[in-house]
Amino acid sequence: MSIYPFSVSSLRNLPRSAPSALAQPLHPSHAHDPALWTRTFLGIVPDPLQTDVLQAAEPNLLLNCSRQWGKTTIIAAKTLHFALFHPNSTTLVAAPSERQSLILLRRLQNFFSRLSLKIAPVPGFPFSSLLPNGSEIIALPASADTTRGFTAHLLVFDEAARIPDQIFHALAPTRATTAGPVWLLSTPNGPSGFFYDIWEDPNSGFRRFRIPASDCPRITPDFLATERLILGDVMFRQEYHCEFLAGPHTLLSLEVLEAAIDPNVMPYFLEPLWN
């Protein structure tokens, strides 16, 4: 059984013109093991937590990650694995800005070179990749008006905590007929927005990963000690400890506001205005 909600039997539909370089990377035995595929064909050795993300069978994932954990690279590998094993699929990549959405696309271009894949842009979308099996990966500008009209088999939101809610709400229905996966990856950006709401909701349907810098073998304690001095406690805890904290210029934090609410007191505006 595939780890994705699609049939791996679709491999039989690969175009006859697909280059021979695809033969080994598309062997069905690798459809069930993205981590092994990533090690074997991309030359990346994921650490244990990265392996968990690559192997996650749940369609909807939320990665609340420290800076420099490697989330973009790992999700780029998982995205390419998805696109290769699901011919004629469409993946949409959204980010707070066009420049940031291109970061994941550039990671993919490096992978295309490693696999000797001949890639062309999707007609009409200059920031995109059309794979030999017909799959499309399209980087979208951060505008709700230009994200409508697609049918997506996979949605990827990079730096999701900094993407406006209206873009998430505009793109989510593109999976209405495919029930495709949604992958959200980001460091926190305060206690607000869809990324925070999904993280806080245990019934959201997302598998949630919290990966602080202390769980990253490539980040040293000495570096973190220096960063705490440079950034200050609030920003450090948000950037490296994955905490959703109000910014230093916020007048009242969410915690203070919640603590000020007494559930036993009826708001005055709910009382009858006449007797």
Protein backbone atom coordinates (compact mmCIF):
# COMPACT_ATOMS: atom_id res chain seq x y z
CA MET A 1 0.00 0.00 0.00
CA SER A 2 1.30 3.45 -0.92
CA ILE A 3 1.96 5.97 1.85
CA TYR A 4 -0.05 8.46 -0.24
CA PRO A 5 -3.82 8.44 -0.92
CA PHE A 6 -3.23 7.46 -4.56
CA SER A 7 -2.67 4.15 -6.30
CA VAL A 8 0.90 3.26 -7.21
CA SER A 9 -0.55 1.30 -10.13
CA SER A 10 -0.55 4.66 -11.93
CA LEU A 11 3.13 3.98 -12.60
CA ARG A 12 1.99 1.92 -15.57
CA ASN A 13 0.75 5.13 -17.19
CA LEU A 14 4.21 6.64 -17.60
CA PRO A 15 4.73 8.02 -21.12
CA ARG A 16 6.82 5.85 -23.41
CA SER A 17 9.04 8.86 -24.04
CA ALA A 18 10.13 9.03 -20.38
CA PRO A 19 13.95 9.04 -20.28
CA SER A 20 15.78 5.89 -19.21
CA ALA A 21 17.17 7.85 -16.23
CA LEU A 22 13.75 7.39 -14.64
CA ALA A 23 13.90 3.61 -14.68
CA GLN A 24 15.61 3.04 -11.34
CA PRO A 25 14.21 6.04 -9.41
CA LEU A 26 10.70 4.86 -10.35
CA HIS A 27 11.01 1.25 -9.29
CA PRO A 28 7.80 0.38 -7.39
CA SER A 29 9.77 -0.82 -4.37
CA HIS A 30 10.75 2.78 -3.67
CA ALA A 31 7.16 4.06 -3.76
CA HIS A 32 6.65 2.95 -0.16
CA ASP A 33 9.92 4.26 1.25
CA PRO A 34 10.65 7.93 0.53
CA ALA A 35 13.51 7.97 3.03
CA LEU A 36 15.31 5.09 1.31
CA TRP A 37 14.59 6.70 -2.07
CA THR A 38 16.04 10.02 -0.82
CA ARG A 39 19.22 8.34 0.41
CA THR A 40 19.63 6.20 -2.69
CA PHE A 41 18.91 8.67 -5.48
CA LEU A 42 19.39 12.14 -4.01
CA GLY A 43 22.43 11.34 -1.89
CA ILE A 44 20.85 12.87 1.25
CA VAL A 45 21.14 10.97 4.53
CA PRO A 46 18.20 12.16 6.66
CA ASP A 47 18.50 12.21 10.43
CA PRO A 48 15.90 10.25 12.47
CA LEU A 49 13.37 13.10 12.68
CA GLN A 50 13.76 13.89 8.98
CA THR A 51 13.18 10.20 8.27
CA ASP A 52 9.96 10.34 10.30
CA VAL A 53 8.75 13.26 8.16
CA LEU A 54 9.67 11.52 4.91
CA GLN A 55 7.94 8.31 6.00
CA ALA A 56 4.83 9.97 7.45
CA ALA A 57 1.79 8.23 6.01
CA GLU A 58 -0.71 10.87 7.09
CA PRO A 59 -1.81 13.08 4.18
CA ASN A 60 -1.77 16.33 6.15
CA LEU A 61 1.43 17.38 7.92
CA LEU A 62 2.43 20.40 9.97
CA LEU A 63 6.13 20.94 10.63
CA ASN A 64 6.80 23.43 13.41
CA CYS A 65 10.55 23.58 13.01
CA SER A 66 13.60 25.43 14.22
CA ARG A 67 15.51 27.55 11.76
CA GLN A 68 18.10 25.60 9.75
CA TRP A 69 16.68 22.17 10.54
CA GLY A 70 16.47 21.37 6.82
CA LYS A 71 12.69 21.45 6.45
CA THR A 72 12.72 22.93 2.94
CA THR A 73 15.21 20.36 1.64
CA ILE A 74 13.36 17.42 3.19
CA ILE A 75 9.96 18.61 1.95
CA ALA A 76 11.47 19.23 -1.51
CA ALA A 77 12.65 15.59 -1.56
CA LYS A 78 9.24 14.37 -0.38
CA THR A 79 7.55 16.57 -3.01
CA LEU A 80 9.67 15.18 -5.82
CA HIS A 81 9.05 11.62 -4.64
CA PHE A 82 5.31 12.37 -4.71
CA ALA A 83 5.44 13.91 -8.19
CA LEU A 84 7.48 11.08 -9.69
CA PHE A 85 5.29 8.35 -8.28
CA HIS A 86 2.04 10.12 -9.25
CA PRO A 87 2.20 10.88 -12.97
CA ASN A 88 0.17 13.81 -14.28
CA SER A 89 -0.28 15.22 -10.78
CA THR A 90 -0.20 18.93 -9.93
CA THR A 91 1.69 20.25 -6.90
CA LEU A 92 1.21 23.87 -5.87
CA VAL A 93 3.88 25.55 -3.74
CA ALA A 94 2.93 28.72 -1.86
CA ALA A 95 5.09 31.00 0.26
CA PRO A 96 4.83 34.55 1.68
CA SER A 97 6.59 35.93 -1.41
CA GLU A 98 7.47 34.75 -4.89
CA ARG A 99 11.15 34.78 -3.95
CA GLN A 100 10.54 32.42 -1.04
CA SER A 101 8.42 30.01 -3.08
CA LEU A 102 11.32 29.77 -5.53
CA ILE A 103 13.63 28.51 -2.77
CA LEU A 104 11.90 25.13 -2.74
CA LEU A 105 11.82 25.13 -6.54
CA ARG A 106 15.60 25.67 -6.63
CA ARG A 107 16.08 22.72 -4.27
CA LEU A 108 14.06 20.66 -6.71
CA GLN A 109 16.14 21.81 -9.66
CA ASN A 110 19.24 20.53 -7.88
CA PHE A 111 17.51 17.18 -7.45
CA PHE A 112 16.50 17.11 -11.14
CA SER A 113 20.19 17.44 -12.04
CA ARG A 114 21.15 14.57 -9.74
CA LEU A 115 18.53 12.36 -11.41
CA SER A 116 19.40 13.58 -14.95
CA LEU A 117 15.78 14.62 -15.49
CA LYS A 118 14.98 16.90 -18.39
CA ILE A 119 12.61 19.54 -17.03
CA ALA A 120 10.65 22.25 -18.83
CA PRO A 121 8.47 25.02 -17.38
CA VAL A 122 4.73 24.44 -17.27
CA PRO A 123 3.22 26.47 -20.16
CA GLY A 124 2.01 29.80 -18.83
CA PHE A 125 3.90 29.49 -15.51
CA PRO A 126 7.52 30.65 -15.67
CA PHE A 127 8.24 29.55 -12.09
CA SER A 128 7.37 25.90 -12.47
CA SER A 129 8.66 22.47 -13.47
CA LEU A 130 7.06 19.99 -15.85
CA LEU A 131 8.41 16.49 -15.26
CA PRO A 132 8.78 13.87 -18.01
CA ASN A 133 5.85 11.89 -16.53
CA GLY A 134 3.49 14.86 -16.92
CA SER A 135 3.54 15.95 -13.29
CA GLU A 136 3.61 19.70 -12.61
CA ILE A 137 5.17 21.60 -9.71
CA ILE A 138 4.12 25.26 -9.73
CA ALA A 139 5.38 28.05 -7.45
CA LEU A 140 2.63 30.60 -6.90
CA PRO A 141 2.81 34.31 -6.07
CA ALA A 142 1.39 35.34 -2.70
CA SER A 143 -1.93 36.64 -4.00
CA ALA A 144 -5.33 35.11 -3.37
CA ASP A 145 -6.59 36.48 -6.69
CA THR A 146 -4.03 34.47 -8.70
CA THR A 147 -4.29 31.20 -6.77
CA ARG A 148 -7.80 30.25 -7.85
CA GLY A 149 -8.79 27.96 -10.71
CA PHE A 150 -6.31 25.13 -10.05
CA THR A 151 -6.92 21.47 -9.29
CA ALA A 152 -4.16 20.31 -6.97
CA HIS A 153 -3.05 16.84 -5.90
CA LEU A 154 -0.60 18.25 -3.33
CA LEU A 155 -0.36 21.62 -1.58
CA VAL A 156 2.90 22.76 0.02
CA PHE A 157 3.02 25.92 2.15
CA ASP A 158 6.59 26.99 2.90
CA GLU A 159 7.04 29.48 5.78
CA ALA A 160 3.34 28.90 6.36
CA ALA A 161 3.16 31.01 9.53
CA ARG A 162 3.91 34.08 7.39
CA ILE A 163 1.38 33.35 4.64
CA PRO A 164 -1.85 35.40 4.84
CA ASP A 165 -4.93 33.41 5.81
CA GLN A 166 -6.75 34.40 2.62
CA ILE A 167 -4.17 32.60 0.48
CA PHE A 168 -4.53 29.41 2.50
CA HIS A 169 -8.33 29.68 2.25
CA ALA A 170 -8.12 30.28 -1.51
CA LEU A 171 -5.87 27.27 -2.15
CA ALA A 172 -7.41 24.69 0.19
CA PRO A 173 -10.45 24.05 -2.07
CA THR A 174 -8.19 23.17 -5.02
CA ARG A 175 -8.06 19.66 -3.51
CA ALA A 176 -11.84 19.25 -3.41
CA THR A 177 -11.88 16.52 -6.09
CA THR A 178 -8.49 14.95 -5.30
CA ALA A 179 -8.40 14.88 -1.47
CA GLY A 180 -4.67 15.44 -1.89
CA PRO A 181 -2.22 16.06 0.95
CA VAL A 182 -1.44 19.42 2.54
CA TRP A 183 2.03 20.03 3.97
CA LEU A 184 2.65 23.09 6.15
CA LEU A 185 6.19 23.94 7.20
CA SER A 186 7.39 26.95 9.12
CA THR A 187 8.93 28.44 12.20
CA PRO A 188 6.29 30.15 14.37
CA ASN A 189 5.32 33.76 13.84
CA GLY A 190 3.24 34.67 16.86
CA PRO A 191 -0.03 33.22 18.21
CA SER A 192 -2.28 33.97 15.22
CA GLY A 193 -3.05 32.77 11.71
CA PHE A 194 -4.02 29.43 10.21
CA PHE A 195 -0.65 27.79 10.99
CA TYR A 196 -1.07 28.60 14.70
CA ASP A 197 -4.76 27.62 14.69
CA ILE A 198 -4.04 24.21 13.17
CA TRP A 199 -1.15 23.65 15.56
CA GLU A 200 -3.39 24.39 18.57
CA ASP A 201 -6.31 22.26 17.35
CA PRO A 202 -5.87 18.57 18.30
CA ASN A 203 -8.76 17.68 15.96
CA SER A 204 -7.37 19.46 12.89
CA GLY A 205 -6.57 16.22 11.07
CA PHE A 206 -2.89 17.17 10.74
CA ARG A 207 0.02 15.16 12.05
CA ARG A 208 2.07 17.74 13.91
CA PHE A 209 5.85 17.74 14.30
CA ARG A 210 7.61 20.05 16.74
CA ILE A 211 11.35 20.08 16.07
CA PRO A 212 13.34 22.53 18.23
CA ALA A 213 17.00 23.30 17.57
CA SER A 214 17.99 21.04 20.45
CA ASP A 215 16.78 18.10 18.34
CA CYS A 216 18.92 19.08 15.34
CA PRO A 217 22.36 17.40 15.38
CA ARG A 218 23.76 20.09 13.05
CA ILE A 219 23.15 23.00 15.45
CA THR A 220 25.59 23.31 18.35
CA PRO A 221 24.82 24.54 21.89
CA ASP A 222 27.50 27.24 21.54
CA PHE A 223 25.77 28.65 18.47
CA LEU A 224 22.42 28.69 20.26
CA ALA A 225 23.91 30.48 23.26
CA THR A 226 25.20 33.22 21.00
CA GLU A 227 21.90 33.48 19.13
CA ARG A 228 20.01 33.95 22.40
CA LEU A 229 22.20 36.96 23.19
CA ILE A 230 21.77 38.41 19.70
CA LEU A 231 18.02 37.86 19.27
CA GLY A 232 16.76 38.27 22.81
CA ASP A 233 14.71 35.72 24.71
CA VAL A 234 11.36 36.07 22.90
CA MET A 235 12.66 35.87 19.34
CA PHE A 236 15.13 33.14 20.26
CA ARG A 237 12.43 30.94 21.75
CA GLN A 238 10.27 31.45 18.68
CA GLU A 239 12.98 30.91 16.07
CA TYR A 240 14.75 27.99 17.76
CA HIS A 241 12.40 26.52 20.38
CA CYS A 242 9.29 26.58 18.15
CA GLU A 243 7.16 28.57 20.60
CA PHE A 244 4.30 30.79 19.44
CA LEU A 245 5.05 34.02 21.26
CA ALA A 246 3.86 37.60 20.87
CA GLY A 247 6.47 40.00 19.52
CA PRO A 248 8.46 42.31 21.82
CA HIS A 249 6.39 45.34 20.74
CA THR A 250 3.02 43.74 21.52
CA LEU A 251 1.18 45.73 24.19
CA LEU A 252 -0.76 42.79 25.62
CA SER A 253 0.10 39.15 24.96
CA LEU A 254 -2.54 36.53 24.23
CA GLU A 255 -1.77 34.89 27.57
CA VAL A 256 -2.47 38.14 29.45
CA LEU A 257 -5.76 38.68 27.61
CA GLU A 258 -6.91 35.12 28.25
CA ALA A 259 -5.99 35.40 31.94
CA ALA A 260 -8.12 38.55 32.20
CA ILE A 261 -11.28 36.74 31.08
CA ASP A 262 -13.58 35.40 33.80
CA PRO A 263 -15.90 32.78 32.27
CA ASN A 264 -18.34 33.27 35.18
CA VAL A 265 -19.04 36.90 34.22
CA MET A 266 -21.64 37.46 31.53
CA PRO A 267 -20.59 40.09 28.96
CA TYR A 268 -22.79 43.15 29.25
CA PHE A 269 -23.69 43.11 25.58
CA LEU A 270 -25.37 39.72 25.96
CA GLU A 271 -27.81 41.08 28.54
CA PRO A 272 -31.22 42.25 27.27
CA LEU A 273 -31.23 45.85 26.16
CA TRP A 274 -34.83 46.25 27.30
CA ASN A 275 -37.09 44.89 30.04
